[in-house]
Amino acid sequence: MALSVIGAGFGRTGTLSLKLALEQLGVGRCYHMMEVFQIPEAPQQWLDVAEGRPVDWETVFRGFSATVDWPSATFYRQLAEHYPNAKVILTERDADDWFDSTQATIFARDFSQMPNPVWAQMAARVVADLFDGRLHDREHAISVYRRHNDEVRRVIPAERLLVYQVSQGWGPLCDFLGLPTPETPLPKVNSRDEFAARLPTPMQS
């Protein structure tokens, strides 16, 4: 099963809402960091990707038609090349709001304290290393965030890319995917309070 949608946006940019929206639209199951902690082999697969070892993408995404959030957002470029017919969605939000949200949720705890050492290594390589480990340095983290978003715009052809904020609702998303607009509101989930209620799972975003 080939991916039809690849999310290039960092965690805490509405990726869980987008996952649920894509599934509601009938795109198919959507991979997210939540799945990494539910699929036993997934953390090692992503660690292998981060460390340059060969990985079969069809095995990683077996049963899924889309992917959003980390860890796949780190490797959006490789995935876009591997799945040339997939559309790419870059979720964004105000940079300062994004940073504040990360500090209250996914970056609030030390990855090294994760209960599984492979999880800890994977999170360090596919997330923390993007920021040179400086997850709490506002200026640096925001510069990485903005640079990533600019790179996505540069790398992915405009006709293949949707730059999207979940606050925009169904319209841009459904137009981009060529799908009918649901009558119900687009899912809006994973507020900071909701995130905290799911702890100790540390990386959902």
Protein backbone atom coordinates (compact mmCIF):
# COMPACT_ATOMS: atom_id res chain seq x y z
CA MET A 1 0.00 0.00 0.00
CA ALA A 2 1.59 3.27 -1.11
CA LEU A 3 1.29 6.44 0.94
CA SER A 4 -1.01 9.02 -0.60
CA VAL A 5 -0.37 11.80 1.93
CA ILE A 6 2.87 12.76 3.67
CA GLY A 7 2.85 15.26 6.52
CA ALA A 8 5.96 17.43 6.70
CA GLY A 9 4.97 19.53 9.73
CA PHE A 10 6.70 19.26 13.08
CA GLY A 11 4.91 17.95 16.14
CA ARG A 12 2.59 20.40 17.94
CA THR A 13 1.36 21.94 14.69
CA GLY A 14 -2.00 20.18 14.73
CA THR A 15 -0.73 16.84 13.49
CA LEU A 16 -3.06 14.69 15.57
CA SER A 17 -6.05 16.71 14.40
CA LEU A 18 -4.82 16.26 10.83
CA LYS A 19 -4.42 12.50 11.35
CA LEU A 20 -8.02 12.20 12.50
CA ALA A 21 -9.23 14.47 9.71
CA LEU A 22 -7.51 12.39 7.03
CA GLU A 23 -8.99 9.21 8.46
CA GLN A 24 -12.44 10.79 8.61
CA LEU A 25 -12.11 11.79 4.95
CA GLY A 26 -11.49 8.16 4.02
CA VAL A 27 -7.84 8.56 3.07
CA GLY A 28 -7.07 5.48 5.17
CA ARG A 29 -5.14 4.82 8.35
CA CYS A 30 -2.69 7.59 9.15
CA TYR A 31 0.63 6.96 10.86
CA HIS A 32 1.62 9.30 13.73
CA MET A 33 4.04 9.24 16.64
CA MET A 34 1.24 7.57 18.59
CA GLU A 35 1.71 4.50 16.41
CA VAL A 36 5.43 4.36 17.13
CA PHE A 37 4.68 3.56 20.74
CA GLN A 38 2.06 0.97 19.82
CA ILE A 39 3.96 -0.98 17.15
CA PRO A 40 6.75 -2.94 18.85
CA GLU A 41 9.20 -2.83 15.95
CA ALA A 42 8.62 0.83 15.05
CA PRO A 43 11.15 2.56 17.35
CA GLN A 44 13.97 0.41 16.02
CA GLN A 45 12.84 0.97 12.44
CA TRP A 46 13.04 4.74 12.87
CA LEU A 47 16.33 4.52 14.70
CA ASP A 48 17.67 2.54 11.74
CA VAL A 49 16.43 5.24 9.36
CA ALA A 50 18.06 7.97 11.44
CA GLU A 51 21.36 6.12 11.53
CA GLY A 52 21.42 5.44 7.81
CA ARG A 53 20.65 1.74 7.83
CA PRO A 54 18.41 0.40 5.06
CA VAL A 55 14.72 0.23 5.88
CA ASP A 56 11.83 -1.01 3.76
CA TRP A 57 9.26 1.80 3.78
CA GLU A 58 6.50 -0.59 2.75
CA THR A 59 7.18 -2.58 5.91
CA VAL A 60 7.24 0.53 8.10
CA PHE A 61 3.92 1.78 6.71
CA ARG A 62 2.18 -1.56 6.23
CA GLY A 63 -1.55 -0.95 6.60
CA PHE A 64 -1.23 2.84 6.41
CA SER A 65 -2.13 5.23 3.59
CA ALA A 66 -0.84 8.45 5.13
CA THR A 67 1.68 9.68 7.68
CA VAL A 68 1.98 12.87 9.72
CA ASP A 69 3.98 14.16 12.69
CA TRP A 70 7.37 12.97 13.83
CA PRO A 71 9.21 10.75 13.15
CA SER A 72 8.19 10.73 9.48
CA ALA A 73 8.24 14.54 9.21
CA THR A 74 11.99 14.43 9.77
CA PHE A 75 12.31 12.28 6.65
CA TYR A 76 9.62 13.93 4.51
CA ARG A 77 12.07 14.47 1.67
CA GLN A 78 13.05 10.80 1.40
CA LEU A 79 9.41 9.79 1.66
CA ALA A 80 8.34 12.26 -1.02
CA GLU A 81 10.95 10.79 -3.34
CA HIS A 82 9.96 7.21 -2.53
CA TYR A 83 6.25 7.93 -2.99
CA PRO A 84 6.26 10.35 -5.95
CA ASN A 85 2.47 10.38 -6.26
CA ALA A 86 1.86 11.30 -2.62
CA LYS A 87 0.69 14.79 -1.75
CA VAL A 88 2.57 16.68 0.98
CA ILE A 89 0.97 18.72 3.75
CA LEU A 90 3.02 21.17 5.81
CA THR A 91 1.16 22.02 9.01
CA GLU A 92 2.18 25.30 10.59
CA ARG A 93 1.24 27.60 13.45
CA ASP A 94 2.65 30.80 14.92
CA ALA A 95 6.28 30.07 15.78
CA ASP A 96 6.16 31.40 19.34
CA ASP A 97 2.92 29.54 20.03
CA TRP A 98 4.53 26.39 18.64
CA PHE A 99 7.57 26.75 20.90
CA ASP A 100 5.46 27.40 23.99
CA SER A 101 3.35 24.36 23.20
CA THR A 102 6.40 22.11 22.85
CA GLN A 103 7.71 23.24 26.23
CA ALA A 104 4.44 22.34 27.92
CA THR A 105 4.14 18.95 26.23
CA ILE A 106 6.57 16.97 24.08
CA PHE A 107 9.74 18.73 25.22
CA ALA A 108 8.75 18.99 28.87
CA ARG A 109 10.50 15.76 29.81
CA ASP A 110 13.95 14.43 29.13
CA PHE A 111 13.82 11.89 26.32
CA SER A 112 16.53 9.88 28.08
CA GLN A 113 14.00 9.12 30.82
CA MET A 114 11.69 7.24 28.46
CA PRO A 115 10.95 3.73 29.77
CA ASN A 116 12.38 1.93 26.73
CA PRO A 117 16.02 2.69 25.77
CA VAL A 118 15.30 2.22 22.07
CA TRP A 119 12.49 4.76 22.34
CA ALA A 120 14.93 7.16 23.97
CA GLN A 121 17.54 6.69 21.25
CA MET A 122 14.94 7.04 18.51
CA ALA A 123 13.50 10.24 19.97
CA ALA A 124 16.96 11.72 20.37
CA ARG A 125 17.95 10.94 16.80
CA VAL A 126 14.77 11.86 14.94
CA VAL A 127 13.66 14.85 17.06
CA ALA A 128 16.23 16.22 19.50
CA ASP A 129 19.09 16.06 17.00
CA LEU A 130 17.15 18.38 14.67
CA PHE A 131 17.64 21.05 17.34
CA ASP A 132 21.20 20.04 18.28
CA GLY A 133 19.69 19.00 21.59
CA ARG A 134 18.78 22.62 22.39
CA LEU A 135 15.09 21.92 22.82
CA HIS A 136 14.56 24.68 25.40
CA ASP A 137 16.43 27.45 23.60
CA ARG A 138 13.58 29.55 22.19
CA GLU A 139 15.57 31.46 19.58
CA HIS A 140 17.40 28.38 18.34
CA ALA A 141 14.36 26.08 18.27
CA ILE A 142 12.26 28.62 16.42
CA SER A 143 15.03 29.15 13.88
CA VAL A 144 15.09 25.38 13.24
CA TYR A 145 11.30 25.32 12.94
CA ARG A 146 11.25 28.17 10.44
CA ARG A 147 14.17 26.79 8.46
CA HIS A 148 12.44 23.42 8.17
CA ASN A 149 9.22 25.02 6.93
CA ASP A 150 11.11 27.12 4.42
CA GLU A 151 12.94 24.04 3.18
CA VAL A 152 9.70 22.13 2.65
CA ARG A 153 8.41 24.99 0.52
CA ARG A 154 11.63 24.99 -1.47
CA VAL A 155 11.92 21.22 -1.95
CA ILE A 156 8.32 20.20 -2.67
CA PRO A 157 6.75 21.52 -5.91
CA ALA A 158 3.94 23.97 -5.22
CA GLU A 159 1.34 21.84 -7.02
CA ARG A 160 2.15 18.95 -4.71
CA LEU A 161 2.20 20.93 -1.46
CA LEU A 162 -0.45 22.29 0.90
CA VAL A 163 0.75 24.70 3.58
CA TYR A 164 -1.97 24.37 6.15
CA GLN A 165 -3.15 25.49 9.56
CA VAL A 166 -5.80 23.27 11.11
CA SER A 167 -7.64 26.43 12.18
CA GLN A 168 -8.49 26.87 8.48
CA GLY A 169 -10.89 23.95 8.71
CA TRP A 170 -11.91 21.52 6.01
CA GLY A 171 -11.90 23.83 3.00
CA PRO A 172 -8.21 23.99 1.98
CA LEU A 173 -7.63 20.36 2.96
CA CYS A 174 -10.57 18.96 1.01
CA ASP A 175 -9.83 21.16 -2.01
CA PHE A 176 -6.23 19.96 -2.02
CA LEU A 177 -7.18 16.30 -1.77
CA GLY A 178 -10.16 16.56 -4.12
CA LEU A 179 -12.56 15.20 -1.50
CA PRO A 180 -16.03 16.33 -0.39
CA THR A 181 -16.27 18.52 2.70
CA PRO A 182 -17.82 16.84 5.76
CA GLU A 183 -20.74 18.53 7.48
CA THR A 184 -19.15 18.10 10.91
CA PRO A 185 -16.30 20.35 12.11
CA LEU A 186 -12.70 19.29 11.54
CA PRO A 187 -11.39 17.41 14.59
CA LYS A 188 -9.57 19.64 17.07
CA VAL A 189 -7.74 17.51 19.59
CA ASN A 190 -4.63 17.19 21.74
CA SER A 191 -4.71 20.42 23.67
CA ARG A 192 -2.06 20.76 26.37
CA ASP A 193 -4.54 19.48 28.97
CA GLU A 194 -5.43 16.49 26.80
CA PHE A 195 -1.76 15.77 26.24
CA ALA A 196 -1.03 15.85 29.98
CA ALA A 197 -3.92 13.48 30.64
CA ARG A 198 -2.25 10.87 28.40
CA LEU A 199 1.08 10.83 30.19
CA PRO A 200 3.30 8.88 30.73
CA THR A 201 3.37 8.35 26.94
CA PRO A 202 5.69 11.28 26.24
CA MET A 203 5.85 12.02 22.55
CA GLN A 204 2.33 12.33 21.20
CA SER A 205 1.79 15.66 19.51
